[in-house]
Amino acid sequence: MLDIASHSYTPKSFGKFKYLYRIMGILGRIKDKQRIAVQAISCLRHNSLAVLEKINCPTLVIGAEEDDVLGVEASLEFHHHIKDSQLTILPDCGHALYEKHKDFQKRVLVFLES
């Protein structure tokens, strides 16, 4: 749990709630390791780029400046492959975009209202 959290949040947010991640790690132990292995292999083998080019509806791609899981590059690549998509990168934010929940919600609302 700590490893996932350390890559999902900015160092500031991770440090603030580190004690909670320890508790969640104790309570949320993996029960079926085989299922996790299958999901991990699927993630590694799945190529979503071909599917992205089939999207033909308004799309908002939101990335995070400090995303330690996918990086900004993934958001740029998604934006490039989804025709007429809008791209926004949240500053001071990690993979867990809800770190900047007010900014995230505002940008989604503006997109949905446009």
C-alpha atoms as a PDB file:
ATOM      1  CA  MET A   1       0.000   0.000   0.000  1.00  0.00           C
ATOM      2  CA  LEU A   2       2.788   2.424   0.846  1.00  0.00           C
ATOM      3  CA  ASP A   3       4.493   1.787  -2.493  1.00  0.00           C
ATOM      4  CA  ILE A   4       1.331   2.470  -4.488  1.00  0.00           C
ATOM      5  CA  ALA A   5       0.523   5.563  -2.429  1.00  0.00           C
ATOM      6  CA  SER A   6       4.045   6.951  -2.740  1.00  0.00           C
ATOM      7  CA  HIS A   7       3.712   6.849  -6.533  1.00  0.00           C
ATOM      8  CA  SER A   8       0.123   8.125  -6.646  1.00  0.00           C
ATOM      9  CA  TYR A   9       0.481  11.239  -4.511  1.00  0.00           C
ATOM     10  CA  THR A  10       2.873  14.158  -4.398  1.00  0.00           C
ATOM     11  CA  PRO A  11       5.481  13.947  -1.614  1.00  0.00           C
ATOM     12  CA  LYS A  12       3.571  16.615   0.315  1.00  0.00           C
ATOM     13  CA  SER A  13       0.258  14.699   0.258  1.00  0.00           C
ATOM     14  CA  PHE A  14       1.933  11.350   0.859  1.00  0.00           C
ATOM     15  CA  GLY A  15       3.713  12.658   3.937  1.00  0.00           C
ATOM     16  CA  LYS A  16       0.534  14.198   5.289  1.00  0.00           C
ATOM     17  CA  PHE A  17      -1.463  10.951   5.210  1.00  0.00           C
ATOM     18  CA  LYS A  18       1.265   8.299   5.425  1.00  0.00           C
ATOM     19  CA  TYR A  19      -0.118   6.897   8.683  1.00  0.00           C
ATOM     20  CA  LEU A  20      -3.474   6.194   6.986  1.00  0.00           C
ATOM     21  CA  TYR A  21      -1.815   4.268   4.171  1.00  0.00           C
ATOM     22  CA  ARG A  22      -0.150   2.007   6.726  1.00  0.00           C
ATOM     23  CA  ILE A  23      -3.535   1.228   8.291  1.00  0.00           C
ATOM     24  CA  MET A  24      -5.134   0.649   4.882  1.00  0.00           C
ATOM     25  CA  GLY A  25      -2.263  -1.675   3.989  1.00  0.00           C
ATOM     26  CA  ILE A  26      -2.894  -3.774   7.073  1.00  0.00           C
ATOM     27  CA  LEU A  27      -6.660  -3.936   6.532  1.00  0.00           C
ATOM     28  CA  GLY A  28      -6.576  -4.374   2.761  1.00  0.00           C
ATOM     29  CA  ARG A  29      -4.288  -7.360   2.285  1.00  0.00           C
ATOM     30  CA  ILE A  30      -4.371  -9.048  -1.130  1.00  0.00           C
ATOM     31  CA  LYS A  31      -6.600 -12.101  -0.893  1.00  0.00           C
ATOM     32  CA  ASP A  32      -6.127 -13.531  -4.385  1.00  0.00           C
ATOM     33  CA  LYS A  33      -2.586 -13.060  -5.704  1.00  0.00           C
ATOM     34  CA  GLN A  34      -3.424 -14.942  -8.916  1.00  0.00           C
ATOM     35  CA  ARG A  35      -6.076 -12.353  -9.805  1.00  0.00           C
ATOM     36  CA  ILE A  36      -3.582  -9.534  -9.250  1.00  0.00           C
ATOM     37  CA  ALA A  37      -1.054 -11.306 -11.494  1.00  0.00           C
ATOM     38  CA  VAL A  38      -3.616 -11.707 -14.300  1.00  0.00           C
ATOM     39  CA  GLN A  39      -4.586  -8.036 -14.066  1.00  0.00           C
ATOM     40  CA  ALA A  40      -0.947  -6.911 -14.084  1.00  0.00           C
ATOM     41  CA  ILE A  41      -0.154  -8.987 -17.173  1.00  0.00           C
ATOM     42  CA  SER A  42      -3.261  -7.628 -18.913  1.00  0.00           C
ATOM     43  CA  CYS A  43      -2.145  -4.063 -18.199  1.00  0.00           C
ATOM     44  CA  LEU A  44       1.270  -4.744 -19.690  1.00  0.00           C
ATOM     45  CA  ARG A  45      -0.073  -6.415 -22.842  1.00  0.00           C
ATOM     46  CA  HIS A  46      -3.056  -4.183 -23.597  1.00  0.00           C
ATOM     47  CA  ASN A  47      -2.508  -1.581 -26.314  1.00  0.00           C
ATOM     48  CA  SER A  48      -5.072   1.170 -25.907  1.00  0.00           C
ATOM     49  CA  LEU A  49      -3.679   3.505 -28.573  1.00  0.00           C
ATOM     50  CA  ALA A  50      -5.614   1.851 -31.407  1.00  0.00           C
ATOM     51  CA  VAL A  51      -8.826   2.120 -29.407  1.00  0.00           C
ATOM     52  CA  LEU A  52      -8.215   5.772 -28.543  1.00  0.00           C
ATOM     53  CA  GLU A  53      -8.304   6.723 -32.212  1.00  0.00           C
ATOM     54  CA  LYS A  54     -11.858   5.348 -32.449  1.00  0.00           C
ATOM     55  CA  ILE A  55     -13.186   7.831 -29.885  1.00  0.00           C
ATOM     56  CA  ASN A  56     -15.322  10.408 -31.675  1.00  0.00           C
ATOM     57  CA  CYS A  57     -17.042  12.298 -28.879  1.00  0.00           C
ATOM     58  CA  PRO A  58     -15.904  15.304 -26.851  1.00  0.00           C
ATOM     59  CA  THR A  59     -13.091  14.157 -24.590  1.00  0.00           C
ATOM     60  CA  LEU A  60     -11.189  15.827 -21.788  1.00  0.00           C
ATOM     61  CA  VAL A  61      -7.776  14.392 -20.974  1.00  0.00           C
ATOM     62  CA  ILE A  62      -6.563  15.452 -17.540  1.00  0.00           C
ATOM     63  CA  GLY A  63      -2.999  14.759 -16.544  1.00  0.00           C
ATOM     64  CA  ALA A  64      -0.876  15.637 -13.549  1.00  0.00           C
ATOM     65  CA  GLU A  65       2.387  17.540 -13.538  1.00  0.00           C
ATOM     66  CA  GLU A  66       3.919  15.215 -10.921  1.00  0.00           C
ATOM     67  CA  ASP A  67       2.338  11.928 -12.089  1.00  0.00           C
ATOM     68  CA  ASP A  68       4.867   9.287 -11.063  1.00  0.00           C
ATOM     69  CA  VAL A  69       2.772   6.432 -12.502  1.00  0.00           C
ATOM     70  CA  LEU A  70       2.023   7.474 -16.094  1.00  0.00           C
ATOM     71  CA  GLY A  71       3.837  10.772 -16.385  1.00  0.00           C
ATOM     72  CA  VAL A  72       2.735  13.802 -18.359  1.00  0.00           C
ATOM     73  CA  GLU A  73       3.868  12.006 -21.514  1.00  0.00           C
ATOM     74  CA  ALA A  74       0.939   9.569 -21.289  1.00  0.00           C
ATOM     75  CA  SER A  75      -1.564  12.423 -21.112  1.00  0.00           C
ATOM     76  CA  LEU A  76       0.074  14.050 -24.123  1.00  0.00           C
ATOM     77  CA  GLU A  77      -0.051  10.759 -26.018  1.00  0.00           C
ATOM     78  CA  PHE A  78      -3.731  10.200 -25.172  1.00  0.00           C
ATOM     79  CA  HIS A  79      -4.499  13.757 -26.296  1.00  0.00           C
ATOM     80  CA  HIS A  80      -2.601  13.190 -29.538  1.00  0.00           C
ATOM     81  CA  HIS A  81      -4.535   9.986 -30.327  1.00  0.00           C
ATOM     82  CA  ILE A  82      -8.040  11.245 -29.436  1.00  0.00           C
ATOM     83  CA  LYS A  83      -9.282  13.512 -32.193  1.00  0.00           C
ATOM     84  CA  ASP A  84     -10.283  17.018 -31.059  1.00  0.00           C
ATOM     85  CA  SER A  85      -9.674  16.189 -27.393  1.00  0.00           C
ATOM     86  CA  GLN A  86      -8.952  18.885 -24.846  1.00  0.00           C
ATOM     87  CA  LEU A  87      -5.894  18.550 -22.630  1.00  0.00           C
ATOM     88  CA  THR A  88      -5.223  20.017 -19.226  1.00  0.00           C
ATOM     89  CA  ILE A  89      -2.332  19.262 -16.899  1.00  0.00           C
ATOM     90  CA  LEU A  90      -2.897  19.943 -13.188  1.00  0.00           C
ATOM     91  CA  PRO A  91       0.103  21.570 -11.486  1.00  0.00           C
ATOM     92  CA  ASP A  92       1.399  20.351  -8.117  1.00  0.00           C
ATOM     93  CA  CYS A  93      -0.551  17.114  -8.468  1.00  0.00           C
ATOM     94  CA  GLY A  94       0.348  13.421  -8.634  1.00  0.00           C
ATOM     95  CA  HIS A  95      -1.390  10.454 -10.258  1.00  0.00           C
ATOM     96  CA  ALA A  96      -4.255  10.768  -7.763  1.00  0.00           C
ATOM     97  CA  LEU A  97      -5.890  13.768  -9.423  1.00  0.00           C
ATOM     98  CA  TYR A  98      -8.295  14.289  -6.553  1.00  0.00           C
ATOM     99  CA  GLU A  99      -5.339  15.764  -4.634  1.00  0.00           C
ATOM    100  CA  LYS A 100      -6.353  18.954  -6.396  1.00  0.00           C
ATOM    101  CA  HIS A 101     -10.036  18.139  -6.152  1.00  0.00           C
ATOM    102  CA  LYS A 102     -11.335  21.707  -6.451  1.00  0.00           C
ATOM    103  CA  ASP A 103      -9.266  22.449  -9.556  1.00  0.00           C
ATOM    104  CA  PHE A 104     -10.075  19.000 -10.980  1.00  0.00           C
ATOM    105  CA  GLN A 105     -13.821  19.448 -10.386  1.00  0.00           C
ATOM    106  CA  LYS A 106     -13.794  22.962 -11.821  1.00  0.00           C
ATOM    107  CA  ARG A 107     -12.075  21.871 -15.022  1.00  0.00           C
ATOM    108  CA  VAL A 108     -14.418  18.901 -15.472  1.00  0.00           C
ATOM    109  CA  LEU A 109     -17.465  21.101 -14.868  1.00  0.00           C
ATOM    110  CA  VAL A 110     -16.265  23.720 -17.369  1.00  0.00           C
ATOM    111  CA  PHE A 111     -15.714  20.946 -19.930  1.00  0.00           C
ATOM    112  CA  LEU A 112     -19.150  19.400 -19.336  1.00  0.00           C
ATOM    113  CA  GLU A 113     -20.859  22.775 -19.614  1.00  0.00           C
ATOM    114  CA  SER A 114     -19.119  23.644 -22.893  1.00  0.00           C
END
